[in-house]
Amino acid sequence: MKSMLSEDRQVVLARIYDSASYLSISFEASCAKRRDFRRNNRKAKYQGADGLFPYVRVVAANGAVYSKADQFIAQIEKKLSQDKERANQQRANFVGNESRPMRRTIEHFRSNPVYGGDGTRIDMAYAIYALSHGASEEQVRAVIRSRDLSHKGNEKRQDEYVERTINKALAAVEKSGVALER
């Protein structure tokens, strides 16, 4: 079965299988054993309506293909396509909203206790926010430089820090699917 799936799908399949949230297996909320992957929990009271048991340890494998592999893969591919479609719709809604004014300034991020006063985290959070809301790279560079960067070293090292921050923020924004105007 592995050879039939692309590497990306194998990873997603493993994540979905491990999370068991897509397998329609119902667990008793108080069942501590469902969190323990090392146990063979084959008691009838834990058997689901579909005849499957929650998380059992594989003690032997003969290499045979799962008898319901086609259904399982179809269910996962359907879920993946639904998730992808939902994500695309959310991106379209976000990107399509051209009137996204920047409501937060760097001061908002600097005063936010979530960042614990960590200037690097603050700079990154602001850069991602600003770039995703249409600010230019030059504007973000100027704002990052508005704080004292002397602890980063000489001017060259400060410039390198600002560039690294901008590049990481751009990568994060592009990965999120927000269209950037350059």
N, C-alpha and C. Protein backbone atom coordinates (compact mmCIF):
# COMPACT_ATOMS: atom_id res chain seq x y z
N MET A 1 0.82 -1.18 0.00
CA MET A 1 0.00 0.00 0.00
C MET A 1 0.87 1.25 0.00
N LYS A 2 2.04 1.21 0.67
CA LYS A 2 2.88 2.38 0.73
C LYS A 2 3.33 2.82 -0.65
N SER A 3 3.64 1.87 -1.49
CA SER A 3 4.16 2.23 -2.80
C SER A 3 3.10 2.92 -3.66
N MET A 4 1.82 2.73 -3.35
CA MET A 4 0.76 3.35 -4.13
C MET A 4 0.57 4.81 -3.74
N LEU A 5 1.06 5.22 -2.59
CA LEU A 5 0.84 6.57 -2.09
C LEU A 5 2.08 7.42 -2.26
N SER A 6 1.88 8.69 -2.56
CA SER A 6 3.02 9.60 -2.61
C SER A 6 3.54 9.80 -1.20
N GLU A 7 4.76 10.31 -1.11
CA GLU A 7 5.37 10.51 0.21
C GLU A 7 4.55 11.48 1.05
N ASP A 8 4.04 12.57 0.43
CA ASP A 8 3.22 13.53 1.17
C ASP A 8 1.97 12.87 1.73
N ARG A 9 1.34 12.06 0.91
CA ARG A 9 0.12 11.39 1.37
C ARG A 9 0.43 10.37 2.46
N GLN A 10 1.59 9.74 2.39
CA GLN A 10 1.96 8.80 3.45
C GLN A 10 2.10 9.53 4.78
N VAL A 11 2.71 10.70 4.74
CA VAL A 11 2.88 11.49 5.97
C VAL A 11 1.53 11.90 6.52
N VAL A 12 0.67 12.42 5.63
CA VAL A 12 -0.66 12.85 6.06
C VAL A 12 -1.46 11.66 6.57
N LEU A 13 -1.36 10.56 5.87
CA LEU A 13 -2.07 9.35 6.28
C LEU A 13 -1.63 8.93 7.67
N ALA A 14 -0.33 8.97 7.92
CA ALA A 14 0.17 8.60 9.24
C ALA A 14 -0.35 9.55 10.31
N ARG A 15 -0.34 10.85 10.01
CA ARG A 15 -0.84 11.82 10.99
C ARG A 15 -2.32 11.61 11.27
N ILE A 16 -3.08 11.40 10.22
CA ILE A 16 -4.52 11.20 10.41
C ILE A 16 -4.77 9.92 11.17
N TYR A 17 -4.05 8.86 10.81
CA TYR A 17 -4.25 7.59 11.49
C TYR A 17 -3.89 7.71 12.96
N ASP A 18 -2.76 8.38 13.25
CA ASP A 18 -2.34 8.55 14.63
C ASP A 18 -3.33 9.37 15.43
N SER A 19 -3.90 10.38 14.83
CA SER A 19 -4.82 11.23 15.59
C SER A 19 -6.14 10.54 15.84
N ALA A 20 -6.51 9.59 14.99
CA ALA A 20 -7.74 8.81 15.10
C ALA A 20 -8.99 9.66 15.09
N SER A 21 -8.85 10.94 14.83
CA SER A 21 -10.03 11.80 14.82
C SER A 21 -10.85 11.61 13.55
N TYR A 22 -10.22 11.06 12.51
CA TYR A 22 -10.93 10.86 11.27
C TYR A 22 -11.41 9.43 11.07
N LEU A 23 -11.16 8.58 12.04
CA LEU A 23 -11.48 7.17 11.85
C LEU A 23 -12.84 6.77 12.39
N SER A 24 -13.59 7.73 12.89
CA SER A 24 -14.92 7.48 13.44
C SER A 24 -14.89 6.47 14.56
N ILE A 25 -13.85 6.47 15.34
CA ILE A 25 -13.78 5.59 16.50
C ILE A 25 -14.19 6.40 17.70
N SER A 26 -15.18 5.92 18.41
CA SER A 26 -15.60 6.67 19.60
C SER A 26 -14.94 6.07 20.82
N PHE A 27 -14.44 6.93 21.67
CA PHE A 27 -13.77 6.50 22.88
C PHE A 27 -14.56 6.99 24.08
N GLU A 28 -14.47 6.24 25.16
CA GLU A 28 -15.03 6.74 26.40
C GLU A 28 -14.08 7.81 26.91
N ALA A 29 -14.62 8.93 27.33
CA ALA A 29 -13.78 10.06 27.75
C ALA A 29 -12.89 9.69 28.92
N SER A 30 -13.36 8.78 29.77
CA SER A 30 -12.59 8.45 30.96
C SER A 30 -11.61 7.30 30.74
N CYS A 31 -11.53 6.80 29.54
CA CYS A 31 -10.66 5.65 29.28
C CYS A 31 -9.22 6.10 29.16
N ALA A 32 -8.46 5.91 30.21
CA ALA A 32 -7.06 6.34 30.22
C ALA A 32 -6.24 5.49 29.26
N LYS A 33 -6.67 4.28 29.02
CA LYS A 33 -5.88 3.38 28.17
C LYS A 33 -5.85 3.84 26.72
N ARG A 34 -6.82 4.66 26.31
CA ARG A 34 -6.83 5.11 24.92
C ARG A 34 -5.63 5.99 24.62
N ARG A 35 -5.02 6.57 25.65
CA ARG A 35 -3.85 7.41 25.45
C ARG A 35 -2.56 6.60 25.52
N ASP A 36 -2.65 5.36 25.90
CA ASP A 36 -1.47 4.52 26.05
C ASP A 36 -1.36 3.61 24.83
N PHE A 37 -0.47 3.95 23.91
CA PHE A 37 -0.37 3.22 22.66
C PHE A 37 0.27 1.85 22.80
N ARG A 38 0.81 1.54 23.96
CA ARG A 38 1.53 0.28 24.11
C ARG A 38 0.62 -0.88 24.53
N ARG A 39 -0.61 -0.62 24.79
CA ARG A 39 -1.48 -1.68 25.31
C ARG A 39 -2.36 -2.29 24.24
N ASN A 40 -2.61 -3.55 24.39
CA ASN A 40 -3.59 -4.25 23.56
C ASN A 40 -4.91 -4.20 24.30
N ASN A 41 -5.76 -3.28 23.93
CA ASN A 41 -7.03 -3.12 24.61
C ASN A 41 -8.12 -3.76 23.76
N ARG A 42 -8.33 -5.04 23.94
CA ARG A 42 -9.26 -5.78 23.10
C ARG A 42 -10.53 -6.16 23.85
N LYS A 43 -10.87 -5.43 24.90
CA LYS A 43 -12.10 -5.72 25.64
C LYS A 43 -13.30 -5.33 24.79
N ALA A 44 -14.33 -6.17 24.86
CA ALA A 44 -15.53 -5.95 24.05
C ALA A 44 -16.17 -4.60 24.33
N LYS A 45 -16.07 -4.12 25.56
CA LYS A 45 -16.72 -2.84 25.88
C LYS A 45 -16.07 -1.66 25.16
N TYR A 46 -14.83 -1.84 24.65
CA TYR A 46 -14.16 -0.77 23.93
C TYR A 46 -14.29 -0.90 22.42
N GLN A 47 -14.92 -1.97 21.96
CA GLN A 47 -15.06 -2.18 20.53
C GLN A 47 -16.07 -1.20 19.97
N GLY A 48 -15.68 -0.53 18.88
CA GLY A 48 -16.56 0.45 18.25
C GLY A 48 -17.65 -0.21 17.45
N ALA A 49 -18.60 0.58 16.99
CA ALA A 49 -19.72 0.08 16.20
C ALA A 49 -19.25 -0.56 14.90
N ASP A 50 -18.10 -0.11 14.40
CA ASP A 50 -17.57 -0.66 13.16
C ASP A 50 -16.72 -1.91 13.39
N GLY A 51 -16.63 -2.35 14.65
CA GLY A 51 -15.87 -3.55 14.98
C GLY A 51 -14.40 -3.30 15.26
N LEU A 52 -13.97 -2.05 15.18
CA LEU A 52 -12.57 -1.73 15.42
C LEU A 52 -12.35 -1.38 16.89
N PHE A 53 -11.11 -1.57 17.33
CA PHE A 53 -10.74 -1.25 18.70
C PHE A 53 -9.84 -0.02 18.68
N PRO A 54 -9.89 0.75 19.76
CA PRO A 54 -9.01 1.92 19.81
C PRO A 54 -7.57 1.50 20.03
N TYR A 55 -6.65 2.17 19.36
CA TYR A 55 -5.21 2.03 19.52
C TYR A 55 -4.75 0.69 20.08
N VAL A 56 -4.32 -0.16 19.21
CA VAL A 56 -3.73 -1.41 19.67
C VAL A 56 -2.30 -1.48 19.15
N ARG A 57 -1.46 -2.13 19.88
CA ARG A 57 -0.07 -2.27 19.49
C ARG A 57 0.05 -3.40 18.48
N VAL A 58 0.79 -3.16 17.44
CA VAL A 58 1.04 -4.20 16.44
C VAL A 58 2.19 -5.05 16.95
N VAL A 59 1.90 -6.33 17.18
CA VAL A 59 2.93 -7.22 17.68
C VAL A 59 3.51 -8.08 16.56
N ALA A 60 2.79 -8.18 15.46
CA ALA A 60 3.28 -8.93 14.33
C ALA A 60 2.61 -8.41 13.07
N ALA A 61 3.31 -8.45 11.98
CA ALA A 61 2.75 -8.04 10.70
C ALA A 61 3.24 -8.99 9.64
N ASN A 62 2.31 -9.50 8.85
CA ASN A 62 2.69 -10.46 7.82
C ASN A 62 2.83 -9.81 6.45
N GLY A 63 2.65 -8.49 6.39
CA GLY A 63 2.80 -7.79 5.12
C GLY A 63 1.55 -7.76 4.29
N ALA A 64 0.46 -8.33 4.77
CA ALA A 64 -0.78 -8.34 4.02
C ALA A 64 -1.37 -6.93 4.00
N VAL A 65 -2.08 -6.61 2.92
CA VAL A 65 -2.72 -5.31 2.78
C VAL A 65 -4.00 -5.30 3.61
N TYR A 66 -4.24 -4.20 4.27
CA TYR A 66 -5.43 -4.00 5.09
C TYR A 66 -6.66 -4.28 4.23
N SER A 67 -7.57 -5.09 4.73
CA SER A 67 -8.72 -5.52 3.94
C SER A 67 -9.63 -4.35 3.54
N LYS A 68 -9.65 -3.30 4.33
CA LYS A 68 -10.49 -2.15 4.01
C LYS A 68 -9.64 -0.96 3.55
N ALA A 69 -8.51 -1.26 2.94
CA ALA A 69 -7.57 -0.20 2.53
C ALA A 69 -8.21 0.77 1.55
N ASP A 70 -8.97 0.26 0.59
CA ASP A 70 -9.58 1.15 -0.39
C ASP A 70 -10.54 2.14 0.26
N GLN A 71 -11.38 1.64 1.18
CA GLN A 71 -12.31 2.52 1.90
C GLN A 71 -11.53 3.53 2.75
N PHE A 72 -10.52 3.03 3.42
CA PHE A 72 -9.73 3.88 4.31
C PHE A 72 -9.06 5.00 3.53
N ILE A 73 -8.42 4.67 2.43
CA ILE A 73 -7.74 5.68 1.62
C ILE A 73 -8.74 6.64 1.01
N ALA A 74 -9.87 6.12 0.54
CA ALA A 74 -10.90 7.00 -0.03
C ALA A 74 -11.42 7.98 1.02
N GLN A 75 -11.62 7.50 2.24
CA GLN A 75 -12.10 8.36 3.33
C GLN A 75 -11.07 9.45 3.63
N ILE A 76 -9.81 9.09 3.66
CA ILE A 76 -8.77 10.06 3.97
C ILE A 76 -8.61 11.06 2.83
N GLU A 77 -8.63 10.58 1.58
CA GLU A 77 -8.52 11.49 0.45
C GLU A 77 -9.69 12.45 0.40
N LYS A 78 -10.88 11.98 0.74
CA LYS A 78 -12.06 12.85 0.79
C LYS A 78 -11.87 13.92 1.86
N LYS A 79 -11.39 13.50 3.03
CA LYS A 79 -11.17 14.45 4.11
C LYS A 79 -10.09 15.46 3.73
N LEU A 80 -9.02 15.00 3.09
CA LEU A 80 -7.96 15.90 2.65
C LEU A 80 -8.47 16.92 1.64
N SER A 81 -9.26 16.47 0.68
CA SER A 81 -9.78 17.41 -0.32
C SER A 81 -10.74 18.41 0.31
N GLN A 82 -11.54 17.97 1.29
CA GLN A 82 -12.42 18.90 2.00
C GLN A 82 -11.61 19.93 2.77
N ASP A 83 -10.56 19.47 3.46
CA ASP A 83 -9.70 20.38 4.22
C ASP A 83 -9.01 21.37 3.29
N LYS A 84 -8.53 20.87 2.15
CA LYS A 84 -7.84 21.74 1.20
C LYS A 84 -8.81 22.78 0.64
N GLU A 85 -10.02 22.36 0.31
CA GLU A 85 -11.03 23.28 -0.22
C GLU A 85 -11.39 24.35 0.81
N ARG A 86 -11.54 23.92 2.06
CA ARG A 86 -11.87 24.87 3.14
C ARG A 86 -10.73 25.87 3.32
N ALA A 87 -9.49 25.39 3.29
CA ALA A 87 -8.34 26.28 3.43
C ALA A 87 -8.26 27.26 2.27
N ASN A 88 -8.54 26.79 1.05
CA ASN A 88 -8.52 27.67 -0.11
C ASN A 88 -9.60 28.74 -0.01
N GLN A 89 -10.78 28.36 0.48
CA GLN A 89 -11.85 29.35 0.67
C GLN A 89 -11.47 30.38 1.71
N GLN A 90 -10.85 29.93 2.80
CA GLN A 90 -10.43 30.87 3.83
C GLN A 90 -9.37 31.81 3.29
N ARG A 91 -8.42 31.28 2.52
CA ARG A 91 -7.39 32.12 1.92
C ARG A 91 -8.00 33.13 0.97
N ALA A 92 -8.95 32.66 0.16
CA ALA A 92 -9.60 33.57 -0.80
C ALA A 92 -10.33 34.68 -0.07
N ASN A 93 -10.99 34.35 1.02
CA ASN A 93 -11.68 35.37 1.80
C ASN A 93 -10.69 36.36 2.39
N PHE A 94 -9.56 35.86 2.86
CA PHE A 94 -8.57 36.71 3.48
C PHE A 94 -7.87 37.58 2.44
N VAL A 95 -7.43 36.96 1.34
CA VAL A 95 -6.71 37.69 0.31
C VAL A 95 -7.64 38.65 -0.41
N GLY A 96 -8.89 38.24 -0.60
CA GLY A 96 -9.85 39.07 -1.32
C GLY A 96 -10.23 40.32 -0.57
N ASN A 97 -9.95 40.39 0.68
CA ASN A 97 -10.30 41.57 1.47
C ASN A 97 -9.18 42.60 1.34
N GLU A 98 -9.27 43.44 0.32
CA GLU A 98 -8.21 44.41 0.04
C GLU A 98 -8.19 45.56 1.04
N SER A 99 -9.25 45.75 1.77
CA SER A 99 -9.30 46.86 2.72
C SER A 99 -8.95 46.36 4.12
N ARG A 100 -7.75 45.82 4.24
CA ARG A 100 -7.28 45.33 5.53
C ARG A 100 -6.35 46.37 6.13
N PRO A 101 -6.89 47.34 6.80
CA PRO A 101 -5.99 48.34 7.37
C PRO A 101 -5.18 47.74 8.50
N MET A 102 -3.98 48.25 8.67
CA MET A 102 -3.15 47.79 9.77
C MET A 102 -3.64 48.47 11.03
N ARG A 103 -4.23 47.70 11.90
CA ARG A 103 -4.77 48.25 13.13
C ARG A 103 -3.76 48.21 14.26
N ARG A 104 -2.71 47.43 14.09
CA ARG A 104 -1.72 47.29 15.15
C ARG A 104 -0.40 47.92 14.74
N THR A 105 0.19 48.56 15.68
CA THR A 105 1.51 49.14 15.45
C THR A 105 2.53 48.28 16.17
N ILE A 106 3.79 48.61 15.98
CA ILE A 106 4.85 47.88 16.67
C ILE A 106 4.69 48.02 18.18
N GLU A 107 4.15 49.14 18.61
CA GLU A 107 3.96 49.35 20.06
C GLU A 107 2.96 48.36 20.64
N HIS A 108 1.98 47.99 19.85
CA HIS A 108 1.03 46.97 20.30
C HIS A 108 1.77 45.67 20.60
N PHE A 109 2.68 45.29 19.72
CA PHE A 109 3.43 44.05 19.91
C PHE A 109 4.42 44.17 21.06
N ARG A 110 5.04 45.32 21.18
CA ARG A 110 6.03 45.52 22.25
C ARG A 110 5.38 45.51 23.63
N SER A 111 4.14 45.96 23.72
CA SER A 111 3.47 46.00 25.02
C SER A 111 2.68 44.72 25.32
N ASN A 112 2.63 43.80 24.37
CA ASN A 112 1.87 42.57 24.55
C ASN A 112 2.68 41.59 25.42
N PRO A 113 2.13 41.17 26.57
CA PRO A 113 2.87 40.28 27.46
C PRO A 113 3.12 38.89 26.87
N VAL A 114 2.43 38.54 25.82
CA VAL A 114 2.62 37.23 25.19
C VAL A 114 4.07 37.05 24.75
N TYR A 115 4.71 38.13 24.32
CA TYR A 115 6.07 38.05 23.81
C TYR A 115 7.12 38.19 24.91
N GLY A 116 6.69 38.48 26.11
CA GLY A 116 7.60 38.53 27.25
C GLY A 116 8.77 39.48 27.08
N GLY A 117 8.57 40.55 26.31
CA GLY A 117 9.65 41.51 26.12
C GLY A 117 10.76 41.03 25.20
N ASP A 118 10.60 39.89 24.56
CA ASP A 118 11.61 39.34 23.66
C ASP A 118 11.55 40.09 22.33
N GLY A 119 12.53 40.97 22.11
CA GLY A 119 12.53 41.81 20.93
C GLY A 119 12.53 41.03 19.62
N THR A 120 13.22 39.91 19.59
CA THR A 120 13.27 39.11 18.37
C THR A 120 11.90 38.55 18.02
N ARG A 121 11.20 38.02 19.01
CA ARG A 121 9.84 37.50 18.77
C ARG A 121 8.89 38.63 18.38
N ILE A 122 9.05 39.76 19.03
CA ILE A 122 8.20 40.92 18.72
C ILE A 122 8.43 41.36 17.27
N ASP A 123 9.71 41.47 16.88
CA ASP A 123 10.03 41.88 15.51
C ASP A 123 9.43 40.92 14.49
N MET A 124 9.57 39.61 14.75
CA MET A 124 9.05 38.62 13.82
C MET A 124 7.53 38.70 13.74
N ALA A 125 6.87 38.78 14.88
CA ALA A 125 5.40 38.85 14.89
C ALA A 125 4.92 40.09 14.14
N TYR A 126 5.56 41.22 14.40
CA TYR A 126 5.16 42.45 13.72
C TYR A 126 5.42 42.34 12.23
N ALA A 127 6.57 41.82 11.84
CA ALA A 127 6.90 41.71 10.42
C ALA A 127 5.89 40.84 9.68
N ILE A 128 5.53 39.72 10.26
CA ILE A 128 4.52 38.84 9.63
C ILE A 128 3.19 39.57 9.52
N TYR A 129 2.79 40.22 10.61
CA TYR A 129 1.52 40.95 10.61
C TYR A 129 1.53 42.05 9.56
N ALA A 130 2.57 42.87 9.57
CA ALA A 130 2.62 44.01 8.67
C ALA A 130 2.67 43.58 7.21
N LEU A 131 3.52 42.61 6.90
CA LEU A 131 3.63 42.16 5.51
C LEU A 131 2.33 41.53 5.02
N SER A 132 1.64 40.82 5.89
CA SER A 132 0.38 40.19 5.48
C SER A 132 -0.75 41.21 5.36
N HIS A 133 -0.52 42.43 5.88
CA HIS A 133 -1.52 43.48 5.77
C HIS A 133 -1.11 44.56 4.78
N GLY A 134 -0.17 44.25 3.92
CA GLY A 134 0.15 45.14 2.81
C GLY A 134 1.28 46.12 3.03
N ALA A 135 1.95 46.09 4.16
CA ALA A 135 3.08 47.01 4.37
C ALA A 135 4.24 46.59 3.47
N SER A 136 5.03 47.54 3.05
CA SER A 136 6.18 47.22 2.21
C SER A 136 7.33 46.73 3.08
N GLU A 137 8.28 46.07 2.44
CA GLU A 137 9.45 45.57 3.16
C GLU A 137 10.23 46.73 3.76
N GLU A 138 10.31 47.83 3.05
CA GLU A 138 11.04 49.00 3.54
C GLU A 138 10.38 49.57 4.80
N GLN A 139 9.05 49.61 4.82
CA GLN A 139 8.35 50.09 6.01
C GLN A 139 8.65 49.20 7.20
N VAL A 140 8.63 47.89 6.97
CA VAL A 140 8.87 46.94 8.06
C VAL A 140 10.32 47.06 8.54
N ARG A 141 11.26 47.20 7.59
CA ARG A 141 12.66 47.38 7.97
C ARG A 141 12.82 48.59 8.89
N ALA A 142 12.18 49.70 8.51
CA ALA A 142 12.30 50.93 9.29
C ALA A 142 11.73 50.75 10.69
N VAL A 143 10.61 50.05 10.80
CA VAL A 143 9.99 49.85 12.11
C VAL A 143 10.86 48.94 12.98
N ILE A 144 11.41 47.89 12.40
CA ILE A 144 12.27 46.99 13.18
C ILE A 144 13.50 47.76 13.68
N ARG A 145 14.02 48.63 12.84
CA ARG A 145 15.20 49.41 13.23
C ARG A 145 14.86 50.51 14.25
N SER A 146 13.57 50.72 14.52
CA SER A 146 13.20 51.78 15.46
C SER A 146 13.58 51.44 16.90
N ARG A 147 13.89 50.21 17.16
CA ARG A 147 14.36 49.87 18.51
C ARG A 147 15.88 49.76 18.51
N ASP A 148 16.46 49.77 19.67
CA ASP A 148 17.92 49.71 19.80
C ASP A 148 18.40 48.30 19.44
N LEU A 149 19.17 48.19 18.38
CA LEU A 149 19.69 46.90 17.94
C LEU A 149 21.18 46.76 18.22
N SER A 150 21.73 47.64 19.04
CA SER A 150 23.18 47.63 19.29
C SER A 150 23.65 46.32 19.92
N HIS A 151 22.76 45.63 20.63
CA HIS A 151 23.14 44.35 21.22
C HIS A 151 23.35 43.26 20.17
N LYS A 152 22.90 43.52 18.94
CA LYS A 152 23.10 42.56 17.84
C LYS A 152 24.51 42.66 17.27
N GLY A 153 25.23 43.70 17.62
CA GLY A 153 26.59 43.86 17.13
C GLY A 153 26.71 45.11 16.29
N ASN A 154 27.70 45.09 15.38
CA ASN A 154 27.95 46.28 14.55
C ASN A 154 26.83 46.46 13.52
N GLU A 155 26.94 47.50 12.73
CA GLU A 155 25.91 47.87 11.75
C GLU A 155 25.64 46.73 10.76
N LYS A 156 26.71 46.06 10.33
CA LYS A 156 26.55 44.95 9.37
C LYS A 156 25.71 43.83 9.97
N ARG A 157 26.00 43.48 11.22
CA ARG A 157 25.23 42.41 11.88
C ARG A 157 23.79 42.83 12.11
N GLN A 158 23.57 44.09 12.40
CA GLN A 158 22.20 44.59 12.57
C GLN A 158 21.44 44.49 11.25
N ASP A 159 22.11 44.88 10.15
CA ASP A 159 21.48 44.76 8.83
C ASP A 159 21.13 43.31 8.51
N GLU A 160 22.06 42.40 8.82
CA GLU A 160 21.82 40.97 8.57
C GLU A 160 20.63 40.48 9.39
N TYR A 161 20.52 40.93 10.65
CA TYR A 161 19.39 40.54 11.50
C TYR A 161 18.07 41.01 10.89
N VAL A 162 18.04 42.27 10.45
CA VAL A 162 16.82 42.81 9.87
C VAL A 162 16.46 42.03 8.61
N GLU A 163 17.43 41.73 7.76
CA GLU A 163 17.16 40.98 6.53
C GLU A 163 16.66 39.57 6.83
N ARG A 164 17.30 38.90 7.81
CA ARG A 164 16.84 37.56 8.19
C ARG A 164 15.39 37.61 8.67
N THR A 165 15.08 38.59 9.47
CA THR A 165 13.72 38.72 10.01
C THR A 165 12.72 38.93 8.88
N ILE A 166 13.04 39.83 7.96
CA ILE A 166 12.16 40.11 6.82
C ILE A 166 11.99 38.85 5.96
N ASN A 167 13.08 38.15 5.68
CA ASN A 167 12.99 36.95 4.84
C ASN A 167 12.16 35.85 5.50
N LYS A 168 12.35 35.65 6.79
CA LYS A 168 11.55 34.64 7.49
C LYS A 168 10.08 35.03 7.50
N ALA A 169 9.81 36.31 7.72
CA ALA A 169 8.42 36.77 7.72
C ALA A 169 7.79 36.61 6.35
N LEU A 170 8.54 36.96 5.30
CA LEU A 170 8.03 36.78 3.93
C LEU A 170 7.71 35.30 3.66
N ALA A 171 8.61 34.43 4.09
CA ALA A 171 8.38 32.99 3.88
C ALA A 171 7.13 32.54 4.63
N ALA A 172 6.95 33.02 5.84
CA ALA A 172 5.77 32.63 6.62
C ALA A 172 4.49 33.14 5.99
N VAL A 173 4.53 34.36 5.49
CA VAL A 173 3.34 34.94 4.84
C VAL A 173 3.03 34.21 3.55
N GLU A 174 4.06 33.93 2.76
CA GLU A 174 3.84 33.21 1.49
C GLU A 174 3.32 31.80 1.74
N LYS A 175 3.85 31.16 2.79
CA LYS A 175 3.39 29.81 3.12
C LYS A 175 1.91 29.82 3.52
N SER A 176 1.48 30.90 4.14
CA SER A 176 0.08 31.00 4.57
C SER A 176 -0.87 31.24 3.40
N GLY A 177 -0.30 31.60 2.25
CA GLY A 177 -1.13 31.77 1.06
C GLY A 177 -1.59 33.20 0.84
N VAL A 178 -1.13 34.14 1.63
CA VAL A 178 -1.52 35.53 1.43
C VAL A 178 -0.73 36.09 0.25
N ALA A 179 -1.43 36.73 -0.66
CA ALA A 179 -0.76 37.31 -1.83
C ALA A 179 -0.02 38.56 -1.41
N LEU A 180 1.25 38.63 -1.80
CA LEU A 180 2.06 39.79 -1.47
C LEU A 180 2.23 40.66 -2.70
N GLU A 181 2.18 41.97 -2.49
CA GLU A 181 2.44 42.89 -3.58
C GLU A 181 3.87 43.38 -3.42
N ARG A 182 4.69 43.14 -4.44
CA ARG A 182 6.09 43.57 -4.36
C ARG A 182 6.38 44.60 -5.41
